[in-house]
Protein backbone atom coordinates (compact mmCIF):
# COMPACT_ATOMS: atom_id res chain seq x y z
CA MET A 1 -75.57 -95.30 58.24
CA GLU A 2 -74.43 -93.46 61.25
CA TYR A 3 -75.49 -94.06 64.88
CA VAL A 4 -76.39 -91.37 67.55
CA ILE A 5 -76.31 -92.35 71.35
CA LEU A 6 -78.43 -90.04 73.31
CA ASP A 7 -78.54 -89.31 77.18
CA LEU A 8 -80.64 -87.06 79.25
CA GLU A 9 -80.65 -85.77 82.57
CA TRP A 10 -83.76 -84.44 84.15
CA ASN A 11 -85.32 -82.86 87.28
CA THR A 12 -88.59 -83.81 88.47
CA ALA A 13 -90.63 -80.55 89.05
CA TYR A 14 -94.46 -79.98 89.54
CA SER A 15 -96.46 -77.95 86.55
CA LYS A 16 -98.81 -75.66 88.07
CA THR A 17 -100.05 -75.21 84.74
CA LYS A 18 -100.50 -78.69 83.98
CA GLN A 19 -100.98 -79.97 87.42
CA CYS A 20 -98.76 -82.70 87.29
CA TYR A 21 -95.02 -84.14 87.94
CA VAL A 22 -92.97 -83.56 84.70
CA ASN A 23 -89.40 -84.88 84.55
CA GLU A 24 -88.11 -81.83 82.84
CA ILE A 25 -84.51 -82.20 80.90
CA ILE A 26 -81.77 -80.24 82.35
CA GLU A 27 -78.69 -82.00 80.33
CA PHE A 28 -78.33 -83.30 76.87
CA GLY A 29 -75.56 -85.32 75.86
CA ALA A 30 -74.84 -87.45 72.77
CA VAL A 31 -71.97 -89.38 70.65
CA ARG A 32 -72.03 -89.65 67.23
CA LEU A 33 -70.68 -92.55 65.60
CA ASN A 34 -69.81 -93.22 62.00
CA GLU A 35 -70.75 -96.73 59.77
CA ASP A 36 -66.98 -98.15 61.27
CA LEU A 37 -68.28 -97.05 64.76
CA ASP A 38 -65.81 -94.79 65.35
CA VAL A 39 -66.87 -91.34 67.22
CA VAL A 40 -67.00 -88.63 64.96
CA SER A 41 -68.76 -85.99 66.90
CA THR A 42 -70.34 -85.53 70.62
CA PHE A 43 -73.09 -83.05 71.76
CA SER A 44 -73.54 -81.51 75.17
CA SER A 45 -75.51 -79.14 76.62
CA PHE A 46 -77.36 -77.72 79.74
CA VAL A 47 -81.08 -77.05 79.57
CA ARG A 48 -82.31 -73.90 81.75
CA PRO A 49 -85.77 -75.42 83.36
CA GLN A 50 -88.66 -73.32 82.94
CA ILE A 51 -91.27 -75.35 85.24
CA GLY A 52 -88.90 -76.30 88.07
CA LYS A 53 -86.37 -73.24 88.50
CA LYS A 54 -84.54 -75.29 91.28
CA ILE A 55 -82.58 -78.59 90.91
CA ASN A 56 -84.02 -80.73 93.83
CA SER A 57 -81.81 -81.99 95.95
CA ARG A 58 -81.72 -86.01 95.04
CA VAL A 59 -80.85 -84.75 91.57
CA LYS A 60 -77.95 -82.42 92.43
CA LYS A 61 -76.55 -85.41 94.81
CA LEU A 62 -76.95 -88.21 91.65
CA THR A 63 -75.67 -85.88 88.95
CA SER A 64 -73.76 -83.16 90.86
CA ILE A 65 -75.76 -80.37 88.61
CA THR A 66 -76.62 -77.15 90.54
CA THR A 67 -79.20 -74.84 90.20
CA ALA A 68 -76.29 -72.50 88.87
CA ASP A 69 -74.93 -75.02 86.44
CA VAL A 70 -78.33 -74.38 84.53
CA GLN A 71 -79.89 -71.31 84.99
CA ASP A 72 -77.78 -69.40 82.04
CA ALA A 73 -78.32 -71.99 79.49
CA ASP A 74 -80.53 -72.34 76.37
CA VAL A 75 -84.23 -73.17 77.04
CA TYR A 76 -85.27 -76.56 75.86
CA GLN A 77 -86.85 -75.28 72.52
CA THR A 78 -83.17 -73.77 71.85
CA VAL A 79 -81.44 -76.76 72.81
CA THR A 80 -83.75 -79.12 71.02
CA LYS A 81 -83.46 -76.94 67.68
CA ARG A 82 -79.27 -77.27 68.00
CA PHE A 83 -79.48 -80.94 68.50
CA THR A 84 -81.78 -81.34 65.51
CA LYS A 85 -79.30 -79.82 63.44
CA TRP A 86 -76.61 -81.39 64.93
CA VAL A 87 -78.04 -84.85 64.07
CA GLY A 88 -78.63 -83.98 60.60
CA ASP A 89 -80.74 -86.02 58.46
CA PRO A 90 -82.80 -88.39 60.39
CA SER A 91 -83.50 -90.74 57.80
CA ASP A 92 -79.91 -91.75 57.88
CA VAL A 93 -79.06 -91.92 61.71
CA VAL A 94 -80.30 -94.52 64.14
CA VAL A 95 -80.81 -92.83 67.73
CA MET A 96 -80.23 -94.80 71.05
CA SER A 97 -80.26 -94.76 74.43
CA TRP A 98 -79.85 -97.05 77.11
CA GLY A 99 -83.26 -97.93 78.14
CA ASN A 100 -86.26 -96.17 76.76
CA MET A 101 -86.87 -93.58 79.61
CA ASP A 102 -84.75 -91.03 77.92
CA ILE A 103 -87.17 -91.43 74.91
CA ARG A 104 -89.96 -91.61 76.93
CA THR A 105 -88.85 -88.14 78.73
CA LEU A 106 -87.84 -86.51 75.38
CA ILE A 107 -91.89 -87.38 74.38
CA ASP A 108 -93.12 -85.56 77.64
CA ASN A 109 -90.96 -82.47 77.14
CA ASN A 110 -91.85 -82.37 73.57
CA ARG A 111 -95.38 -82.49 74.45
CA TYR A 112 -95.03 -79.87 76.99
CA PHE A 113 -92.95 -77.58 75.26
CA TYR A 114 -94.14 -78.00 71.79
CA GLY A 115 -97.93 -79.64 72.23
CA ASP A 116 -96.43 -82.67 70.12
CA PRO A 117 -95.09 -85.68 71.08
CA THR A 118 -93.42 -86.41 67.70
CA ILE A 119 -89.43 -85.94 68.07
CA ARG A 120 -88.55 -84.76 64.44
CA PHE A 121 -84.75 -85.84 65.02
CA VAL A 122 -85.71 -89.47 65.52
CA GLN A 123 -86.84 -91.72 62.51
CA MET A 124 -85.11 -94.74 63.51
CA TYR A 125 -84.89 -95.90 67.39
CA VAL A 126 -83.24 -98.83 69.01
CA ASP A 127 -83.09 -99.61 72.76
CA LEU A 128 -79.44 -100.26 73.56
CA GLN A 129 -79.90 -101.66 76.90
CA ALA A 130 -82.48 -104.15 75.44
CA TYR A 131 -79.99 -104.71 72.24
CA PHE A 132 -77.13 -105.56 74.89
CA MET A 133 -79.03 -107.78 76.95
CA LYS A 134 -80.09 -109.63 74.01
CA GLU A 135 -76.31 -110.35 72.46
CA LYS A 136 -75.46 -111.31 75.68
CA GLU A 137 -78.12 -113.76 76.42
CA LEU A 138 -79.40 -111.87 79.57
CA PRO A 139 -83.09 -112.55 80.62
CA LYS A 140 -85.15 -109.88 80.05
CA SER A 141 -86.44 -109.88 83.50
CA GLN A 142 -83.38 -108.61 84.91
CA GLN A 143 -82.58 -105.41 83.48
CA ILE A 144 -78.70 -104.26 83.62
CA GLY A 145 -77.45 -101.27 84.58
CA LEU A 146 -75.02 -98.95 82.34
CA SER A 147 -72.09 -99.58 84.99
CA ASP A 148 -72.97 -103.57 85.20
CA ALA A 149 -72.76 -103.94 81.61
CA ALA A 150 -69.49 -102.24 81.20
CA GLU A 151 -68.06 -104.50 83.77
CA LEU A 152 -69.77 -107.56 81.80
CA ILE A 153 -67.39 -106.41 79.06
CA GLU A 154 -64.37 -105.76 81.12
CA THR A 155 -64.49 -102.14 81.03
CA ASP A 156 -63.99 -99.82 83.94
CA PRO A 157 -67.07 -97.92 84.26
CA ASP A 158 -65.14 -94.96 86.49
CA GLN A 159 -63.31 -93.86 83.26
CA PHE A 160 -66.70 -91.84 82.48
CA ILE A 161 -68.45 -89.45 84.37
CA HIS A 162 -71.37 -91.25 86.01
CA HIS A 163 -75.04 -89.78 85.71
CA ARG A 164 -73.75 -87.21 83.51
CA ALA A 165 -75.47 -86.95 79.69
CA LEU A 166 -72.01 -86.98 77.75
CA GLY A 167 -70.41 -89.33 80.10
CA ASP A 168 -73.25 -91.95 79.94
CA SER A 169 -73.67 -91.79 76.58
CA GLU A 170 -69.84 -92.19 75.79
CA LEU A 171 -70.17 -95.18 77.75
CA SER A 172 -73.01 -96.49 76.11
CA ALA A 173 -70.92 -96.07 72.81
CA VAL A 174 -68.41 -98.36 74.28
CA CYS A 175 -71.05 -100.88 75.32
CA PHE A 176 -72.51 -100.70 71.65
CA LYS A 177 -69.15 -101.27 69.83
CA ALA A 178 -68.47 -103.99 72.36
CA VAL A 179 -71.66 -106.15 71.34
CA TYR A 180 -72.33 -105.05 67.95
CA ASN A 181 -73.47 -107.71 65.10
CA GLU A 182 -74.85 -106.41 61.80
CA ASP A 183 -77.99 -108.54 61.06
CA ASP A 184 -79.05 -109.11 64.71
CA PHE A 185 -79.00 -104.74 65.11
CA ASP A 186 -80.78 -104.19 62.17
CA ASP A 187 -83.74 -106.69 63.64
CA CYS A 188 -83.97 -104.29 66.65
CA ILE A 189 -84.66 -101.29 64.85
CA HIS A 190 -87.96 -99.48 65.39
CA ASP A 191 -89.44 -97.11 62.78
CA CYS A 192 -90.82 -94.36 64.78
CA ASP A 193 -94.38 -94.47 63.16
CA SER A 194 -97.72 -93.78 64.88
CA ASP A 195 -97.43 -97.54 66.31
CA PHE A 196 -94.26 -96.62 68.10
CA TYR A 197 -95.53 -93.52 69.92
CA LYS A 198 -98.71 -95.29 71.17
CA GLN A 199 -96.90 -98.19 72.50
CA LEU A 200 -94.43 -95.55 74.43
CA LEU A 201 -97.55 -93.38 75.78
CA PHE A 202 -99.16 -96.07 76.79
CA ARG A 203 -99.27 -96.24 80.73
CA PRO A 204 -99.44 -99.69 82.08
CA TYR A 205 -102.07 -100.44 84.42
CA TYR A 206 -103.48 -103.00 87.08
CA LEU A 207 -106.59 -105.19 86.22
CA THR A 208 -109.35 -104.74 89.00
CA ASP A 209 -112.24 -106.02 87.38
CA ILE A 210 -112.32 -109.81 87.29
CA HIS A 211 -114.58 -109.83 84.44
CA ASP A 212 -112.00 -107.91 82.34
CA ASN A 213 -111.33 -109.89 79.36
CA GLY A 214 -107.59 -109.41 80.00
CA VAL A 215 -107.72 -111.60 82.84
CA ASP A 216 -106.62 -115.00 82.08
CA GLN A 217 -109.91 -117.17 84.11
CA ALA A 218 -107.02 -119.97 83.90
CA ALA A 219 -104.59 -118.29 86.47
CA LEU A 220 -107.29 -118.29 88.67
CA SER A 221 -107.38 -121.47 89.85
CA CYS A 222 -105.34 -123.88 92.61
CA GLN A 223 -103.60 -127.31 92.19
CA CYS A 224 -102.65 -128.93 95.69
CA MET A 225 -99.18 -128.91 96.27
CA GLN A 226 -99.59 -132.00 98.35
CA CYS A 227 -101.61 -134.62 96.23
CA GLY A 228 -101.64 -132.46 92.76
CA LYS A 229 -105.09 -132.34 92.73
CA PRO A 230 -107.43 -129.44 92.16
CA ALA A 231 -108.49 -127.68 95.13
CA LYS A 232 -111.77 -125.94 95.49
CA LEU A 233 -112.83 -122.10 95.71
CA LEU A 234 -113.96 -121.06 98.73
CA GLY A 235 -116.12 -118.13 98.46
CA ASP A 236 -115.63 -115.37 96.12
CA TRP A 237 -112.42 -113.51 94.91
CA LYS A 238 -111.62 -110.15 96.44
CA THR A 239 -109.66 -107.11 95.16
CA ALA A 240 -106.93 -105.59 97.31
CA ASN A 241 -103.53 -103.97 96.47
CA ASN A 242 -104.18 -104.34 92.65
CA ALA A 243 -104.43 -108.21 93.31
CA PHE A 244 -107.05 -110.60 93.22
CA HIS A 245 -107.10 -113.03 96.47
CA ALA A 246 -109.10 -116.08 97.26
CA THR A 247 -109.02 -119.26 99.68
CA TYR A 248 -108.59 -122.79 98.37
CA LEU A 249 -109.55 -126.09 99.96
CA CYS A 250 -108.27 -129.26 98.36
CA GLU A 251 -110.91 -131.65 100.04
CA PRO A 252 -108.82 -135.10 99.64
CA CYS A 253 -106.13 -133.71 101.58
CA GLY A 254 -107.84 -131.01 103.94
CA THR A 255 -105.16 -128.64 103.06
CA LYS A 256 -105.91 -124.81 102.65
CA TYR A 257 -104.16 -122.18 100.24
CA ARG A 258 -104.43 -118.45 99.86
CA VAL A 259 -104.32 -117.30 96.33
CA ASN A 260 -102.94 -114.05 95.38
CA VAL A 261 -103.19 -113.08 91.48
CA GLN A 262 -101.96 -109.85 90.06
CA PHE A 263 -102.62 -108.83 86.52
CA ARG A 264 -101.10 -105.88 84.91
CA ARG A 265 -101.51 -104.32 81.27
CA LEU A 266 -98.94 -103.52 79.03
CA TYR A 267 -99.34 -102.35 75.75
CA ASP A 268 -99.20 -105.63 73.68
CA GLN A 269 -99.66 -108.06 76.64
CA VAL A 270 -100.84 -108.95 80.09
CA ASN A 271 -98.26 -109.60 82.58
CA VAL A 272 -99.22 -112.22 85.08
CA LYS A 273 -98.03 -112.46 88.80
CA LYS A 274 -99.48 -115.01 90.97
CA GLN A 275 -98.48 -116.35 94.49
CA VAL A 276 -99.90 -119.91 96.04
CA THR A 277 -99.51 -119.52 100.07
CA ARG A 278 -100.41 -122.67 102.13
CA LEU A 279 -102.35 -121.74 105.20
CA LYS A 280 -101.53 -123.49 108.66
CA PRO A 281 -104.46 -125.26 110.10
CA LYS A 282 -105.82 -123.17 113.25
CA LYS A 283 -104.80 -125.14 116.40
CA LYS A 284 -107.69 -126.29 118.53
CA HIS A 285 -107.67 -124.77 122.13
CA ARG A 286 -107.86 -127.43 124.65
CA LYS A 287 -110.73 -126.81 127.24
């Protein structure tokens, strides 16, 4: 088994043909590790953009990649063919990236340029960021950036070129080797089957129909912070800013609350974000 750690840079461009924005890949970078986790090969290539011909200022500032850098490069179709050949037999290679945004971007570019989201050189995939966080026992709610991860393993991230595909893939490889555990790693490998693509192609959205079966009715309640007793709903639930809100009254102690609940549908679950705020009583005006 060998390992390929991939990193991409992209330029957000508007496609008049598809009438949507596309994160168009402008650079591939990758490191190949053998079964002993030694670097045996690297891949680096600019990609000539076909949707947005100019690199926008934000991307140029972040990556230092200019329009001149990419204007004579091969187009996406040619680079991906070279990269597929470089990867070799995908049944014996685990492809990784720091977070799944790179793999999502690959899927979007494949769908745009090939009409097919399937990535031929990826049969086994690992989200390296998620794996690193698992090994370091970091909370899922606080995703760690690559530079912070490097510092956590006492590696100076400035040894590598930041926000460039090859530099970031090299730094990712260092982080991978620092936490690698064979048994835990095997459990994190995803087979790139139809469910894998369904999950990555799924676009999270907020639930705005209170009768949706994803709305947990138990979350639409309020318990008094003062006396601990259930508060009474005043009026109906209303919707604003992708959230439900309502006012509650605790009759025993006369305390009012504003409750905001937001339900976000993910591929395999619904995330609930709830906020309860005590309302200050209105001051009575003296005559």
